[in-house]
């Protein structure tokens, strides 16, 4: 909730993303579901993301 509050957006806008994620975890392994930097093995971006969180 903190993220949507700081960005001043409604939480409901995330519902489709949450639903799609829930479907994925029932249909495939976490490894197969990875996207973005994780799938590309982009360690620089992953490290930058971890540092900012």
PDB file of N, CA and C in Angstrom:
ATOM      1  N   UNK A   1       0.823  -1.191   0.000  1.00  0.00           N
ATOM      2  CA  UNK A   1       0.000   0.000   0.000  1.00  0.00           C
ATOM      3  C   UNK A   1       0.864   1.249   0.000  1.00  0.00           C
ATOM      4  N   UNK A   2       2.028   1.184   0.598  1.00  0.00           N
ATOM      5  CA  UNK A   2       2.874   2.366   0.670  1.00  0.00           C
ATOM      6  C   UNK A   2       3.239   2.858  -0.731  1.00  0.00           C
ATOM      7  N   UNK A   3       3.522   1.921  -1.646  1.00  0.00           N
ATOM      8  CA  UNK A   3       3.892   2.306  -3.007  1.00  0.00           C
ATOM      9  C   UNK A   3       2.779   3.101  -3.677  1.00  0.00           C
ATOM     10  N   UNK A   4       1.568   2.592  -3.650  1.00  0.00           N
ATOM     11  CA  UNK A   4       0.472   3.301  -4.324  1.00  0.00           C
ATOM     12  C   UNK A   4       0.166   4.628  -3.640  1.00  0.00           C
ATOM     13  N   UNK A   5       0.348   4.679  -2.330  1.00  0.00           N
ATOM     14  CA  UNK A   5       0.120   5.940  -1.629  1.00  0.00           C
ATOM     15  C   UNK A   5       1.150   6.991  -2.021  1.00  0.00           C
ATOM     16  N   UNK A   6       2.410   6.596  -2.114  1.00  0.00           N
ATOM     17  CA  UNK A   6       3.450   7.562  -2.470  1.00  0.00           C
ATOM     18  C   UNK A   6       3.341   7.999  -3.927  1.00  0.00           C
ATOM     19  N   UNK A   7       2.779   7.146  -4.762  1.00  0.00           N
ATOM     20  CA  UNK A   7       2.608   7.484  -6.184  1.00  0.00           C
ATOM     21  C   UNK A   7       1.239   8.096  -6.468  1.00  0.00           C
ATOM     22  N   UNK A   8       0.422   8.170  -5.422  1.00  0.00           N
ATOM     23  CA  UNK A   8      -0.920   8.761  -5.534  1.00  0.00           C
ATOM     24  C   UNK A   8      -1.773   8.075  -6.611  1.00  0.00           C
ATOM     25  N   UNK A   9      -1.794   6.736  -6.554  1.00  0.00           N
ATOM     26  CA  UNK A   9      -2.639   5.975  -7.483  1.00  0.00           C
ATOM     27  C   UNK A   9      -3.559   5.060  -6.672  1.00  0.00           C
ATOM     28  N   UNK A  10      -4.623   4.641  -7.294  1.00  0.00           N
ATOM     29  CA  UNK A  10      -5.582   3.744  -6.641  1.00  0.00           C
ATOM     30  C   UNK A  10      -5.037   2.312  -6.657  1.00  0.00           C
ATOM     31  N   UNK A  11      -5.168   1.620  -5.532  1.00  0.00           N
ATOM     32  CA  UNK A  11      -4.694   0.243  -5.430  1.00  0.00           C
ATOM     33  C   UNK A  11      -5.366  -0.667  -6.458  1.00  0.00           C
ATOM     34  N   UNK A  12      -6.621  -0.393  -6.771  1.00  0.00           N
ATOM     35  CA  UNK A  12      -7.383  -1.233  -7.703  1.00  0.00           C
ATOM     36  C   UNK A  12      -6.721  -1.345  -9.070  1.00  0.00           C
ATOM     37  N   UNK A  13      -5.912  -0.366  -9.443  1.00  0.00           N
ATOM     38  CA  UNK A  13      -5.247  -0.422 -10.751  1.00  0.00           C
ATOM     39  C   UNK A  13      -4.278  -1.608 -10.828  1.00  0.00           C
ATOM     40  N   UNK A  14      -3.862  -2.113  -9.677  1.00  0.00           N
ATOM     41  CA  UNK A  14      -2.934  -3.243  -9.632  1.00  0.00           C
ATOM     42  C   UNK A  14      -3.636  -4.601  -9.679  1.00  0.00           C
ATOM     43  N   UNK A  15      -4.934  -4.625  -9.572  1.00  0.00           N
ATOM     44  CA  UNK A  15      -5.672  -5.897  -9.544  1.00  0.00           C
ATOM     45  C   UNK A  15      -5.357  -6.811 -10.733  1.00  0.00           C
ATOM     46  N   UNK A  16      -5.354  -6.318 -11.986  1.00  0.00           N
ATOM     47  CA  UNK A  16      -5.034  -7.219 -13.104  1.00  0.00           C
ATOM     48  C   UNK A  16      -3.631  -7.826 -12.993  1.00  0.00           C
ATOM     49  N   UNK A  17      -2.672  -7.056 -12.542  1.00  0.00           N
ATOM     50  CA  UNK A  17      -1.315  -7.569 -12.363  1.00  0.00           C
ATOM     51  C   UNK A  17      -1.279  -8.642 -11.284  1.00  0.00           C
ATOM     52  N   UNK A  18      -1.969  -8.410 -10.197  1.00  0.00           N
ATOM     53  CA  UNK A  18      -2.024  -9.384  -9.103  1.00  0.00           C
ATOM     54  C   UNK A  18      -2.707 -10.665  -9.567  1.00  0.00           C
ATOM     55  N   UNK A  19      -3.791 -10.536 -10.304  1.00  0.00           N
ATOM     56  CA  UNK A  19      -4.511 -11.713 -10.808  1.00  0.00           C
ATOM     57  C   UNK A  19      -3.647 -12.517 -11.774  1.00  0.00           C
ATOM     58  N   UNK A  20      -2.950 -11.835 -12.674  1.00  0.00           N
ATOM     59  CA  UNK A  20      -2.086 -12.527 -13.639  1.00  0.00           C
ATOM     60  C   UNK A  20      -0.950 -13.240 -12.918  1.00  0.00           C
ATOM     61  N   UNK A  21      -0.391 -12.622 -11.922  1.00  0.00           N
ATOM     62  CA  UNK A  21       0.681 -13.244 -11.141  1.00  0.00           C
ATOM     63  C   UNK A  21       0.170 -14.492 -10.423  1.00  0.00           C
ATOM     64  N   UNK A  22      -1.009 -14.415  -9.853  1.00  0.00           N
ATOM     65  CA  UNK A  22      -1.595 -15.566  -9.170  1.00  0.00           C
ATOM     66  C   UNK A  22      -1.829 -16.722 -10.143  1.00  0.00           C
ATOM     67  N   UNK A  23      -2.263 -16.422 -11.353  1.00  0.00           N
ATOM     68  CA  UNK A  23      -2.456 -17.469 -12.368  1.00  0.00           C
ATOM     69  C   UNK A  23      -1.126 -18.115 -12.733  1.00  0.00           C
ATOM     70  N   UNK A  24      -0.102 -17.283 -12.928  1.00  0.00           N
ATOM     71  CA  UNK A  24       1.209 -17.801 -13.329  1.00  0.00           C
ATOM     72  C   UNK A  24       1.764 -18.787 -12.310  1.00  0.00           C
ATOM     73  N   UNK A  25       1.642 -18.472 -11.021  1.00  0.00           N
ATOM     74  CA  UNK A  25       2.247 -19.360 -10.024  1.00  0.00           C
ATOM     75  C   UNK A  25       1.538 -20.708  -9.950  1.00  0.00           C
ATOM     76  N   UNK A  26       0.328 -20.770 -10.483  1.00  0.00           N
ATOM     77  CA  UNK A  26      -0.388 -22.042 -10.513  1.00  0.00           C
ATOM     78  C   UNK A  26      -0.063 -22.839 -11.767  1.00  0.00           C
ATOM     79  N   UNK A  27       0.451 -22.173 -12.799  1.00  0.00           N
ATOM     80  CA  UNK A  27       0.651 -22.827 -14.083  1.00  0.00           C
ATOM     81  C   UNK A  27       2.106 -23.110 -14.435  1.00  0.00           C
ATOM     82  N   UNK A  28       3.054 -22.422 -13.779  1.00  0.00           N
ATOM     83  CA  UNK A  28       4.458 -22.616 -14.157  1.00  0.00           C
ATOM     84  C   UNK A  28       5.379 -22.403 -12.963  1.00  0.00           C
ATOM     85  N   UNK A  29       6.601 -22.823 -13.134  1.00  0.00           N
ATOM     86  CA  UNK A  29       7.588 -22.662 -12.070  1.00  0.00           C
ATOM     87  C   UNK A  29       8.016 -21.198 -11.975  1.00  0.00           C
ATOM     88  N   UNK A  30       8.536 -20.790 -10.824  1.00  0.00           N
ATOM     89  CA  UNK A  30       9.027 -19.417 -10.702  1.00  0.00           C
ATOM     90  C   UNK A  30      10.088 -19.086 -11.749  1.00  0.00           C
ATOM     91  N   UNK A  31      10.943 -20.037 -12.054  1.00  0.00           N
ATOM     92  CA  UNK A  31      11.982 -19.809 -13.061  1.00  0.00           C
ATOM     93  C   UNK A  31      11.371 -19.467 -14.417  1.00  0.00           C
ATOM     94  N   UNK A  32      10.350 -20.198 -14.824  1.00  0.00           N
ATOM     95  CA  UNK A  32       9.721 -19.967 -16.125  1.00  0.00           C
ATOM     96  C   UNK A  32       8.904 -18.670 -16.138  1.00  0.00           C
ATOM     97  N   UNK A  33       8.458 -18.228 -14.971  1.00  0.00           N
ATOM     98  CA  UNK A  33       7.625 -17.029 -14.889  1.00  0.00           C
ATOM     99  C   UNK A  33       8.435 -15.735 -14.851  1.00  0.00           C
ATOM    100  N   UNK A  34       9.735 -15.851 -14.691  1.00  0.00           N
ATOM    101  CA  UNK A  34      10.561 -14.649 -14.587  1.00  0.00           C
ATOM    102  C   UNK A  34      10.517 -13.823 -15.867  1.00  0.00           C
ATOM    103  N   UNK A  35      10.579 -12.522 -15.676  1.00  0.00           N
ATOM    104  CA  UNK A  35      10.627 -11.588 -16.808  1.00  0.00           C
ATOM    105  C   UNK A  35      11.654 -10.503 -16.516  1.00  0.00           C
ATOM    106  N   UNK A  36      11.859  -9.629 -17.449  1.00  0.00           N
ATOM    107  CA  UNK A  36      12.705  -8.463 -17.252  1.00  0.00           C
ATOM    108  C   UNK A  36      14.136  -8.795 -16.882  1.00  0.00           C
ATOM    109  N   UNK A  37      14.711  -8.037 -15.933  1.00  0.00           N
ATOM    110  CA  UNK A  37      16.111  -8.208 -15.575  1.00  0.00           C
ATOM    111  C   UNK A  37      16.446  -9.625 -15.093  1.00  0.00           C
ATOM    112  N   UNK A  38      15.518 -10.262 -14.395  1.00  0.00           N
ATOM    113  CA  UNK A  38      15.779 -11.620 -13.906  1.00  0.00           C
ATOM    114  C   UNK A  38      15.956 -12.585 -15.082  1.00  0.00           C
ATOM    115  N   UNK A  39      15.094 -12.480 -16.060  1.00  0.00           N
ATOM    116  CA  UNK A  39      15.166 -13.384 -17.217  1.00  0.00           C
ATOM    117  C   UNK A  39      16.427 -13.105 -18.048  1.00  0.00           C
ATOM    118  N   UNK A  40      16.779 -11.825 -18.148  1.00  0.00           N
ATOM    119  CA  UNK A  40      17.957 -11.432 -18.938  1.00  0.00           C
ATOM    120  C   UNK A  40      19.262 -11.615 -18.174  1.00  0.00           C
ATOM    121  N   UNK A  41      19.150 -11.957 -16.884  1.00  0.00           N
ATOM    122  CA  UNK A  41      20.315 -12.067 -16.009  1.00  0.00           C
ATOM    123  C   UNK A  41      21.078 -10.740 -15.961  1.00  0.00           C
ATOM    124  N   UNK A  42      20.325  -9.648 -15.914  1.00  0.00           N
ATOM    125  CA  UNK A  42      20.877  -8.294 -15.878  1.00  0.00           C
ATOM    126  C   UNK A  42      21.225  -7.938 -14.434  1.00  0.00           C
ATOM    127  N   UNK A  43      22.406  -8.388 -14.019  1.00  0.00           N
ATOM    128  CA  UNK A  43      22.815  -8.235 -12.621  1.00  0.00           C
ATOM    129  C   UNK A  43      22.967  -6.767 -12.215  1.00  0.00           C
ATOM    130  N   UNK A  44      23.365  -5.921 -13.130  1.00  0.00           N
ATOM    131  CA  UNK A  44      23.524  -4.499 -12.825  1.00  0.00           C
ATOM    132  C   UNK A  44      22.177  -3.890 -12.409  1.00  0.00           C
ATOM    133  N   UNK A  45      21.124  -4.160 -13.188  1.00  0.00           N
ATOM    134  CA  UNK A  45      19.803  -3.635 -12.871  1.00  0.00           C
ATOM    135  C   UNK A  45      19.265  -4.253 -11.586  1.00  0.00           C
ATOM    136  N   UNK A  46      19.464  -5.539 -11.401  1.00  0.00           N
ATOM    137  CA  UNK A  46      18.990  -6.209 -10.195  1.00  0.00           C
ATOM    138  C   UNK A  46      19.656  -5.592  -8.957  1.00  0.00           C
ATOM    139  N   UNK A  47      20.973  -5.408  -9.013  1.00  0.00           N
ATOM    140  CA  UNK A  47      21.693  -4.808  -7.882  1.00  0.00           C
ATOM    141  C   UNK A  47      21.201  -3.404  -7.606  1.00  0.00           C
ATOM    142  N   UNK A  48      20.970  -2.614  -8.656  1.00  0.00           N
ATOM    143  CA  UNK A  48      20.477  -1.241  -8.490  1.00  0.00           C
ATOM    144  C   UNK A  48      19.102  -1.241  -7.838  1.00  0.00           C
ATOM    145  N   UNK A  49      18.258  -2.181  -8.218  1.00  0.00           N
ATOM    146  CA  UNK A  49      16.915  -2.275  -7.646  1.00  0.00           C
ATOM    147  C   UNK A  49      16.977  -2.659  -6.172  1.00  0.00           C
ATOM    148  N   UNK A  50      17.832  -3.587  -5.845  1.00  0.00           N
ATOM    149  CA  UNK A  50      17.969  -4.017  -4.452  1.00  0.00           C
ATOM    150  C   UNK A  50      18.472  -2.870  -3.587  1.00  0.00           C
ATOM    151  N   UNK A  51      19.393  -2.082  -4.081  1.00  0.00           N
ATOM    152  CA  UNK A  51      19.945  -0.960  -3.320  1.00  0.00           C
ATOM    153  C   UNK A  51      18.914   0.116  -3.028  1.00  0.00           C
ATOM    154  N   UNK A  52      17.951   0.295  -3.935  1.00  0.00           N
ATOM    155  CA  UNK A  52      16.970   1.355  -3.753  1.00  0.00           C
ATOM    156  C   UNK A  52      15.792   0.930  -2.892  1.00  0.00           C
ATOM    157  N   UNK A  53      15.681  -0.351  -2.595  1.00  0.00           N
ATOM    158  CA  UNK A  53      14.547  -0.843  -1.786  1.00  0.00           C
ATOM    159  C   UNK A  53      14.906  -1.041  -0.378  1.00  0.00           C
TER     160      UNK A  53
END
